[in-house]
PDB file of N, CA and C in Angstrom:
ATOM      1  N   MET A   1     107.918  65.719  60.067  1.00  0.00           N
ATOM      2  CA  MET A   1     106.744  66.823  60.875  1.00  0.00           C
ATOM      3  C   MET A   1     105.758  66.369  61.781  1.00  0.00           C
ATOM      4  N   SER A   2     105.051  65.006  61.619  1.00  0.00           N
ATOM      5  CA  SER A   2     104.563  64.237  62.326  1.00  0.00           C
ATOM      6  C   SER A   2     104.615  64.335  63.543  1.00  0.00           C
ATOM      7  N   ILE A   3     106.134  64.404  64.183  1.00  0.00           N
ATOM      8  CA  ILE A   3     105.960  64.587  65.665  1.00  0.00           C
ATOM      9  C   ILE A   3     106.086  65.864  66.077  1.00  0.00           C
ATOM     10  N   PHE A   4     106.110  66.972  65.147  1.00  0.00           N
ATOM     11  CA  PHE A   4     105.904  67.986  66.161  1.00  0.00           C
ATOM     12  C   PHE A   4     104.416  68.502  65.424  1.00  0.00           C
ATOM     13  N   SER A   5     103.453  67.941  64.667  1.00  0.00           N
ATOM     14  CA  SER A   5     102.361  68.159  64.751  1.00  0.00           C
ATOM     15  C   SER A   5     101.505  67.188  66.061  1.00  0.00           C
ATOM     16  N   ASN A   6     101.773  65.670  66.003  1.00  0.00           N
ATOM     17  CA  ASN A   6     101.617  65.317  67.369  1.00  0.00           C
ATOM     18  C   ASN A   6     101.629  66.003  68.546  1.00  0.00           C
ATOM     19  N   PHE A   7     103.145  66.705  68.916  1.00  0.00           N
ATOM     20  CA  PHE A   7     103.615  67.180  70.025  1.00  0.00           C
ATOM     21  C   PHE A   7     102.435  69.024  70.128  1.00  0.00           C
ATOM     22  N   LEU A   8     102.256  69.126  68.970  1.00  0.00           N
ATOM     23  CA  LEU A   8     101.363  70.292  69.055  1.00  0.00           C
ATOM     24  C   LEU A   8      99.565  70.366  69.421  1.00  0.00           C
ATOM     25  N   ARG A   9      99.608  68.846  69.073  1.00  0.00           N
ATOM     26  CA  ARG A   9      98.220  68.291  69.578  1.00  0.00           C
ATOM     27  C   ARG A   9      98.169  68.184  70.622  1.00  0.00           C
ATOM     28  N   SER A  10      98.945  67.044  70.939  1.00  0.00           N
ATOM     29  CA  SER A  10      99.182  67.117  72.559  1.00  0.00           C
ATOM     30  C   SER A  10      99.103  68.247  73.474  1.00  0.00           C
ATOM     31  N   LEU A  11      99.848  69.219  73.637  1.00  0.00           N
ATOM     32  CA  LEU A  11     100.073  70.517  74.191  1.00  0.00           C
ATOM     33  C   LEU A  11      98.409  71.382  73.843  1.00  0.00           C
ATOM     34  N   LEU A  12      98.325  70.773  72.924  1.00  0.00           N
ATOM     35  CA  LEU A  12      96.366  72.338  72.779  1.00  0.00           C
ATOM     36  C   LEU A  12      95.570  71.301  73.785  1.00  0.00           C
ATOM     37  N   LEU A  13      95.567  70.255  73.600  1.00  0.00           N
ATOM     38  CA  LEU A  13      94.706  69.503  74.663  1.00  0.00           C
ATOM     39  C   LEU A  13      94.907  69.343  75.574  1.00  0.00           C
ATOM     40  N   THR A  14      96.039  69.845  76.198  1.00  0.00           N
ATOM     41  CA  THR A  14      96.321  69.357  77.491  1.00  0.00           C
ATOM     42  C   THR A  14      96.174  71.018  77.638  1.00  0.00           C
ATOM     43  N   MET A  15      96.052  71.461  77.692  1.00  0.00           N
ATOM     44  CA  MET A  15      96.033  73.210  77.343  1.00  0.00           C
ATOM     45  C   MET A  15      94.269  73.688  77.778  1.00  0.00           C
ATOM     46  N   ILE A  16      93.540  72.638  77.188  1.00  0.00           N
ATOM     47  CA  ILE A  16      92.452  72.670  77.203  1.00  0.00           C
ATOM     48  C   ILE A  16      91.795  72.156  78.036  1.00  0.00           C
ATOM     49  N   LEU A  17      92.278  71.106  78.161  1.00  0.00           N
ATOM     50  CA  LEU A  17      91.552  69.983  79.612  1.00  0.00           C
ATOM     51  C   LEU A  17      91.933  70.780  81.180  1.00  0.00           C
ATOM     52  N   SER A  18      92.669  71.288  80.849  1.00  0.00           N
ATOM     53  CA  SER A  18      93.797  72.180  81.851  1.00  0.00           C
ATOM     54  C   SER A  18      92.710  73.439  82.113  1.00  0.00           C
ATOM     55  N   PHE A  19      92.418  74.437  80.973  1.00  0.00           N
ATOM     56  CA  PHE A  19      92.030  75.224  81.841  1.00  0.00           C
ATOM     57  C   PHE A  19      90.368  74.480  81.840  1.00  0.00           C
ATOM     58  N   ILE A  20      89.864  74.061  81.592  1.00  0.00           N
ATOM     59  CA  ILE A  20      88.879  73.826  81.379  1.00  0.00           C
ATOM     60  C   ILE A  20      88.379  72.924  83.150  1.00  0.00           C
ATOM     61  N   THR A  21      89.613  72.265  83.603  1.00  0.00           N
ATOM     62  CA  THR A  21      89.444  71.454  85.031  1.00  0.00           C
ATOM     63  C   THR A  21      88.433  72.046  86.094  1.00  0.00           C
ATOM     64  N   PRO A  22      89.438  73.408  86.274  1.00  0.00           N
ATOM     65  CA  PRO A  22      88.978  74.495  87.849  1.00  0.00           C
ATOM     66  C   PRO A  22      87.649  74.659  87.733  1.00  0.00           C
ATOM     67  N   ILE A  23      87.636  75.358  86.210  1.00  0.00           N
ATOM     68  CA  ILE A  23      86.214  75.893  85.664  1.00  0.00           C
ATOM     69  C   ILE A  23      85.020  75.234  86.493  1.00  0.00           C
ATOM     70  N   PHE A  24      85.011  73.658  85.842  1.00  0.00           N
ATOM     71  CA  PHE A  24      84.442  72.282  86.794  1.00  0.00           C
ATOM     72  C   PHE A  24      83.953  72.208  87.871  1.00  0.00           C
ATOM     73  N   VAL A  25      85.475  72.469  88.464  1.00  0.00           N
ATOM     74  CA  VAL A  25      85.154  71.845  89.914  1.00  0.00           C
ATOM     75  C   VAL A  25      84.980  73.497  90.859  1.00  0.00           C
ATOM     76  N   PHE A  26      85.068  74.386  90.367  1.00  0.00           N
ATOM     77  CA  PHE A  26      84.668  75.788  91.116  1.00  0.00           C
ATOM     78  C   PHE A  26      83.038  75.761  91.341  1.00  0.00           C
ATOM     79  N   VAL A  27      82.650  75.770  89.410  1.00  0.00           N
ATOM     80  CA  VAL A  27      81.412  75.658  89.454  1.00  0.00           C
ATOM     81  C   VAL A  27      80.198  75.308  89.742  1.00  0.00           C
ATOM     82  N   GLY A  28      81.061  73.488  89.853  1.00  0.00           N
ATOM     83  CA  GLY A  28      80.378  72.638  90.333  1.00  0.00           C
ATOM     84  C   GLY A  28      80.144  72.743  91.741  1.00  0.00           C
ATOM     85  N   GLY A  29      80.962  72.659  92.499  1.00  0.00           N
ATOM     86  CA  GLY A  29      80.928  73.692  94.007  1.00  0.00           C
ATOM     87  C   GLY A  29      80.154  74.335  94.322  1.00  0.00           C
ATOM     88  N   LEU A  30      79.820  75.777  93.351  1.00  0.00           N
ATOM     89  CA  LEU A  30      79.128  77.087  93.938  1.00  0.00           C
ATOM     90  C   LEU A  30      77.548  76.014  93.586  1.00  0.00           C
ATOM     91  N   ILE A  31      77.085  75.023  92.232  1.00  0.00           N
ATOM     92  CA  ILE A  31      76.035  74.989  91.920  1.00  0.00           C
ATOM     93  C   ILE A  31      75.614  73.867  93.282  1.00  0.00           C
ATOM     94  N   SER A  32      76.705  72.899  93.786  1.00  0.00           N
ATOM     95  CA  SER A  32      75.987  71.781  94.587  1.00  0.00           C
ATOM     96  C   SER A  32      76.078  72.688  95.953  1.00  0.00           C
ATOM     97  N   PHE A  33      76.152  73.338  96.146  1.00  0.00           N
ATOM     98  CA  PHE A  33      76.322  74.323  97.129  1.00  0.00           C
ATOM     99  C   PHE A  33      74.602  75.391  97.408  1.00  0.00           C
ATOM    100  N   THR A  34      74.797  75.746  96.450  1.00  0.00           N
ATOM    101  CA  THR A  34      73.350  76.849  96.451  1.00  0.00           C
ATOM    102  C   THR A  34      72.065  75.832  95.879  1.00  0.00           C
ATOM    103  N   LEU A  35      72.817  74.773  96.212  1.00  0.00           N
ATOM    104  CA  LEU A  35      71.117  73.492  95.737  1.00  0.00           C
ATOM    105  C   LEU A  35      71.129  72.508  97.836  1.00  0.00           C
ATOM    106  N   ILE A  36      72.576  73.009  97.941  1.00  0.00           N
ATOM    107  CA  ILE A  36      71.974  72.627  99.814  1.00  0.00           C
ATOM    108  C   ILE A  36      71.566  73.438 100.486  1.00  0.00           C
ATOM    109  N   SER A  37      72.038  74.899 100.292  1.00  0.00           N
ATOM    110  CA  SER A  37      70.993  76.164 100.335  1.00  0.00           C
ATOM    111  C   SER A  37      69.613  75.551 100.093  1.00  0.00           C
ATOM    112  N   TYR A  38      69.149  75.288  99.926  1.00  0.00           N
ATOM    113  CA  TYR A  38      67.658  74.829  99.585  1.00  0.00           C
ATOM    114  C   TYR A  38      66.821  74.057 100.932  1.00  0.00           C
ATOM    115  N   LEU A  39      67.793  73.154 101.278  1.00  0.00           N
ATOM    116  CA  LEU A  39      67.324  72.324 102.046  1.00  0.00           C
ATOM    117  C   LEU A  39      67.245  72.824 104.027  1.00  0.00           C
ATOM    118  N   PRO A  40      65.878  72.579 104.153  1.00  0.00           N
ATOM    119  CA  PRO A  40      65.987  73.191 105.431  1.00  0.00           C
ATOM    120  C   PRO A  40      67.134  73.250 106.524  1.00  0.00           C
ATOM    121  N   LEU A  41      67.671  72.066 106.931  1.00  0.00           N
ATOM    122  CA  LEU A  41      67.893  72.349 108.394  1.00  0.00           C
ATOM    123  C   LEU A  41      69.776  72.296 107.841  1.00  0.00           C
ATOM    124  N   LEU A  42      70.210  72.689 105.925  1.00  0.00           N
ATOM    125  CA  LEU A  42      71.624  72.753 105.516  1.00  0.00           C
ATOM    126  C   LEU A  42      71.684  73.911 104.616  1.00  0.00           C
ATOM    127  N   ALA A  43      70.626  74.969 105.192  1.00  0.00           N
ATOM    128  CA  ALA A  43      70.514  76.640 104.298  1.00  0.00           C
ATOM    129  C   ALA A  43      71.322  77.424 104.921  1.00  0.00           C
ATOM    130  N   ALA A  44      71.504  77.847 105.907  1.00  0.00           N
ATOM    131  CA  ALA A  44      73.230  78.431 106.305  1.00  0.00           C
ATOM    132  C   ALA A  44      74.873  77.605 106.141  1.00  0.00           C
ATOM    133  N   LEU A  45      74.469  76.454 105.656  1.00  0.00           N
ATOM    134  CA  LEU A  45      76.450  75.812 105.439  1.00  0.00           C
ATOM    135  C   LEU A  45      76.282  76.137 104.121  1.00  0.00           C
ATOM    136  N   GLY A  46      74.764  75.725 103.364  1.00  0.00           N
ATOM    137  CA  GLY A  46      75.110  75.834 102.043  1.00  0.00           C
ATOM    138  C   GLY A  46      75.524  77.470 101.805  1.00  0.00           C
ATOM    139  N   GLN A  47      74.890  78.635 102.263  1.00  0.00           N
ATOM    140  CA  GLN A  47      74.994  79.837 101.910  1.00  0.00           C
ATOM    141  C   GLN A  47      76.273  80.110 102.357  1.00  0.00           C
ATOM    142  N   LEU A  48      76.498  79.779 103.162  1.00  0.00           N
ATOM    143  CA  LEU A  48      78.074  80.068 104.022  1.00  0.00           C
ATOM    144  C   LEU A  48      79.527  79.269 103.356  1.00  0.00           C
ATOM    145  N   CYS A  49      79.147  78.451 102.393  1.00  0.00           N
ATOM    146  CA  CYS A  49      80.544  77.740 101.708  1.00  0.00           C
ATOM    147  C   CYS A  49      80.267  78.471 100.266  1.00  0.00           C
ATOM    148  N   SER A  50      79.000  78.435 100.290  1.00  0.00           N
ATOM    149  CA  SER A  50      79.173  79.473  98.625  1.00  0.00           C
ATOM    150  C   SER A  50      79.190  80.287  99.176  1.00  0.00           C
ATOM    151  N   HIS A  51      79.463  81.291  99.282  1.00  0.00           N
ATOM    152  CA  HIS A  51      80.174  82.525  99.578  1.00  0.00           C
ATOM    153  C   HIS A  51      81.527  82.886 100.458  1.00  0.00           C
ATOM    154  N   GLN A  52      82.334  81.593 100.605  1.00  0.00           N
ATOM    155  CA  GLN A  52      83.385  81.336 101.054  1.00  0.00           C
ATOM    156  C   GLN A  52      83.731  81.299  99.682  1.00  0.00           C
ATOM    157  N   ILE A  53      83.535  80.406  98.717  1.00  0.00           N
ATOM    158  CA  ILE A  53      84.104  79.670  97.109  1.00  0.00           C
ATOM    159  C   ILE A  53      83.915  81.438  96.683  1.00  0.00           C
ATOM    160  N   LEU A  54      83.081  81.942  96.718  1.00  0.00           N
ATOM    161  CA  LEU A  54      83.215  83.366  96.085  1.00  0.00           C
ATOM    162  C   LEU A  54      84.035  84.543  96.524  1.00  0.00           C
ATOM    163  N   GLN A  55      84.111  84.349  98.111  1.00  0.00           N
ATOM    164  CA  GLN A  55      85.234  85.158  98.684  1.00  0.00           C
ATOM    165  C   GLN A  55      86.900  84.828  98.127  1.00  0.00           C
ATOM    166  N   PHE A  56      86.729  83.616  97.768  1.00  0.00           N
ATOM    167  CA  PHE A  56      88.859  83.387  97.531  1.00  0.00           C
ATOM    168  C   PHE A  56      88.660  83.523  95.698  1.00  0.00           C
ATOM    169  N   LEU A  57      87.604  83.016  95.283  1.00  0.00           N
ATOM    170  CA  LEU A  57      87.656  83.643  94.097  1.00  0.00           C
ATOM    171  C   LEU A  57      87.831  84.982  93.977  1.00  0.00           C
ATOM    172  N   ALA A  58      87.391  85.773  94.390  1.00  0.00           N
ATOM    173  CA  ALA A  58      87.727  87.687  94.170  1.00  0.00           C
ATOM    174  C   ALA A  58      88.935  87.732  95.003  1.00  0.00           C
ATOM    175  N   VAL A  59      89.545  87.650  95.771  1.00  0.00           N
ATOM    176  CA  VAL A  59      91.080  87.124  95.890  1.00  0.00           C
ATOM    177  C   VAL A  59      91.659  87.139  94.898  1.00  0.00           C
ATOM    178  N   PHE A  60      91.486  86.270  94.394  1.00  0.00           N
ATOM    179  CA  PHE A  60      92.661  86.264  93.094  1.00  0.00           C
ATOM    180  C   PHE A  60      92.168  86.672  91.722  1.00  0.00           C
ATOM    181  N   GLY A  61      90.982  87.811  91.870  1.00  0.00           N
ATOM    182  CA  GLY A  61      90.416  88.634  90.592  1.00  0.00           C
ATOM    183  C   GLY A  61      90.321  90.008  91.043  1.00  0.00           C
ATOM    184  N   ARG A  62      90.588  90.236  91.949  1.00  0.00           N
ATOM    185  CA  ARG A  62      90.592  91.687  92.063  1.00  0.00           C
ATOM    186  C   ARG A  62      89.170  92.043  92.511  1.00  0.00           C
ATOM    187  N   GLY A  63      88.557  91.311  93.363  1.00  0.00           N
ATOM    188  CA  GLY A  63      87.593  91.346  93.550  1.00  0.00           C
ATOM    189  C   GLY A  63      86.761  90.798  92.735  1.00  0.00           C
ATOM    190  N   ASN A  64      86.356  90.572  92.110  1.00  0.00           N
ATOM    191  CA  ASN A  64      85.478  89.745  91.050  1.00  0.00           C
ATOM    192  C   ASN A  64      86.099  88.569  90.379  1.00  0.00           C
ATOM    193  N   PRO A  65      84.543  87.455  91.112  1.00  0.00           N
ATOM    194  CA  PRO A  65      85.007  86.180  91.365  1.00  0.00           C
ATOM    195  C   PRO A  65      85.487  85.231  89.712  1.00  0.00           C
ATOM    196  N   LEU A  66      84.396  86.362  89.138  1.00  0.00           N
ATOM    197  CA  LEU A  66      84.446  85.559  87.791  1.00  0.00           C
ATOM    198  C   LEU A  66      86.320  85.993  87.041  1.00  0.00           C
ATOM    199  N   GLU A  67      86.621  87.011  87.068  1.00  0.00           N
ATOM    200  CA  GLU A  67      88.109  86.782  86.912  1.00  0.00           C
ATOM    201  C   GLU A  67      88.961  86.045  87.726  1.00  0.00           C
ATOM    202  N   GLY A  68      88.781  85.877  88.480  1.00  0.00           N
ATOM    203  CA  GLY A  68      89.450  85.085  89.775  1.00  0.00           C
ATOM    204  C   GLY A  68      89.505  83.458  89.321  1.00  0.00           C
ATOM    205  N   VAL A  69      88.143  82.798  88.734  1.00  0.00           N
ATOM    206  CA  VAL A  69      88.369  81.894  88.056  1.00  0.00           C
ATOM    207  C   VAL A  69      89.135  81.846  86.568  1.00  0.00           C
ATOM    208  N   LEU A  70      89.199  82.866  86.213  1.00  0.00           N
ATOM    209  CA  LEU A  70      89.624  82.446  84.508  1.00  0.00           C
ATOM    210  C   LEU A  70      91.027  82.779  85.344  1.00  0.00           C
ATOM    211  N   ILE A  71      91.840  83.296  86.270  1.00  0.00           N
ATOM    212  CA  ILE A  71      93.136  83.768  86.256  1.00  0.00           C
ATOM    213  C   ILE A  71      93.721  82.111  86.995  1.00  0.00           C
ATOM    214  N   ILE A  72      93.166  81.564  87.465  1.00  0.00           N
ATOM    215  CA  ILE A  72      93.157  80.139  87.984  1.00  0.00           C
ATOM    216  C   ILE A  72      93.304  79.713  87.054  1.00  0.00           C
ATOM    217  N   ALA A  73      92.343  79.457  86.078  1.00  0.00           N
ATOM    218  CA  ALA A  73      92.226  78.636  84.933  1.00  0.00           C
ATOM    219  C   ALA A  73      92.887  79.180  83.797  1.00  0.00           C
ATOM    220  N   MET A  74      93.994  80.006  84.135  1.00  0.00           N
ATOM    221  CA  MET A  74      94.825  80.241  82.657  1.00  0.00           C
ATOM    222  C   MET A  74      96.116  79.729  83.334  1.00  0.00           C
ATOM    223  N   THR A  75      96.324  79.783  84.672  1.00  0.00           N
ATOM    224  CA  THR A  75      97.427  79.068  85.597  1.00  0.00           C
ATOM    225  C   THR A  75      97.793  77.576  85.527  1.00  0.00           C
ATOM    226  N   PHE A  76      96.484  77.096  85.693  1.00  0.00           N
ATOM    227  CA  PHE A  76      96.322  76.061  85.106  1.00  0.00           C
ATOM    228  C   PHE A  76      96.864  75.019  84.027  1.00  0.00           C
ATOM    229  N   SER A  77      95.934  75.973  82.969  1.00  0.00           N
ATOM    230  CA  SER A  77      96.805  75.612  81.498  1.00  0.00           C
ATOM    231  C   SER A  77      98.030  75.940  81.333  1.00  0.00           C
ATOM    232  N   PHE A  78      98.096  76.916  81.925  1.00  0.00           N
ATOM    233  CA  PHE A  78      99.639  76.856  82.087  1.00  0.00           C
ATOM    234  C   PHE A  78     100.871  76.071  82.163  1.00  0.00           C
ATOM    235  N   VAL A  79     100.617  75.325  83.566  1.00  0.00           N
ATOM    236  CA  VAL A  79     101.182  74.776  84.245  1.00  0.00           C
ATOM    237  C   VAL A  79     101.277  73.140  83.537  1.00  0.00           C
ATOM    238  N   GLY A  80      99.763  72.750  82.894  1.00  0.00           N
ATOM    239  CA  GLY A  80      99.797  71.712  82.514  1.00  0.00           C
ATOM    240  C   GLY A  80     100.904  71.505  80.788  1.00  0.00           C
ATOM    241  N   ALA A  81     100.041  72.909  80.534  1.00  0.00           N
ATOM    242  CA  ALA A  81     101.445  72.973  79.099  1.00  0.00           C
ATOM    243  C   ALA A  81     102.628  72.857  79.604  1.00  0.00           C
ATOM    244  N   LEU A  82     103.466  73.003  80.450  1.00  0.00           N
ATOM    245  CA  LEU A  82     104.651  72.921  80.981  1.00  0.00           C
ATOM    246  C   LEU A  82     105.055  71.328  81.210  1.00  0.00           C
ATOM    247  N   PHE A  83     103.734  70.535  82.298  1.00  0.00           N
ATOM    248  CA  PHE A  83     104.252  69.322  82.212  1.00  0.00           C
ATOM    249  C   PHE A  83     104.305  68.644  81.219  1.00  0.00           C
ATOM    250  N   ASP A  84     103.252  68.896  80.283  1.00  0.00           N
ATOM    251  CA  ASP A  84     103.210  68.266  78.751  1.00  0.00           C
ATOM    252  C   ASP A  84     104.528  68.104  77.631  1.00  0.00           C
ATOM    253  N   THR A  85     104.827  69.836  77.950  1.00  0.00           N
ATOM    254  CA  THR A  85     106.377  70.094  77.846  1.00  0.00           C
ATOM    255  C   THR A  85     106.965  69.025  77.728  1.00  0.00           C
ATOM    256  N   TYR A  86     107.283  69.115  79.502  1.00  0.00           N
ATOM    257  CA  TYR A  86     108.761  68.039  80.364  1.00  0.00           C
ATOM    258  C   TYR A  86     108.320  66.672  79.683  1.00  0.00           C
ATOM    259  N   ALA A  87     106.832  66.331  79.547  1.00  0.00           N
ATOM    260  CA  ALA A  87     106.709  64.140  79.838  1.00  0.00           C
ATOM    261  C   ALA A  87     107.194  64.483  77.992  1.00  0.00           C
ATOM    262  N   SER A  88     107.463  65.626  77.097  1.00  0.00           N
ATOM    263  CA  SER A  88     106.850  64.890  75.821  1.00  0.00           C
ATOM    264  C   SER A  88     108.732  64.545  75.708  1.00  0.00           C
ATOM    265  N   TYR A  89     109.401  66.042  75.906  1.00  0.00           N
ATOM    266  CA  TYR A  89     110.978  65.883  76.115  1.00  0.00           C
ATOM    267  C   TYR A  89     111.563  64.742  76.633  1.00  0.00           C
ATOM    268  N   SER A  90     111.065  64.028  78.229  1.00  0.00           N
ATOM    269  CA  SER A  90     111.959  63.476  78.697  1.00  0.00           C
ATOM    270  C   SER A  90     111.461  61.630  77.917  1.00  0.00           C
ATOM    271  N   SER A  91     110.244  61.844  77.515  1.00  0.00           N
ATOM    272  CA  SER A  91     109.646  60.296  76.726  1.00  0.00           C
ATOM    273  C   SER A  91     111.010  60.094  75.950  1.00  0.00           C
ATOM    274  N   PRO A  92     110.884  58.620  75.612  1.00  0.00           N
ATOM    275  CA  PRO A  92     112.101  57.665  74.715  1.00  0.00           C
ATOM    276  C   PRO A  92     111.444  58.304  73.628  1.00  0.00           C
ATOM    277  N   LYS A  93     112.174  58.719  72.284  1.00  0.00           N
ATOM    278  CA  LYS A  93     112.189  58.470  70.852  1.00  0.00           C
ATOM    279  C   LYS A  93     111.954  57.777  69.934  1.00  0.00           C
TER     280      LYS A  93
END
């Protein structure tokens, strides 16, 4: 039973980390471009890039950027779980 519990713990941890990573990337990008937009010479660039990120996320979220980032995060979580399952299956026992 220990092998199964180790597998489930590894799978859950992989799914959580794979879910959180794209959220941190997109939120970090939005925060950094918003901060860049406060600089006088780079204001237009910061606003343009943050607007492009929000439009990109809106494409995946049926017009809502928050829904888009959640869809991308769930997809990353699913793929991470598949990779972890394959890695645990193919590793020597």
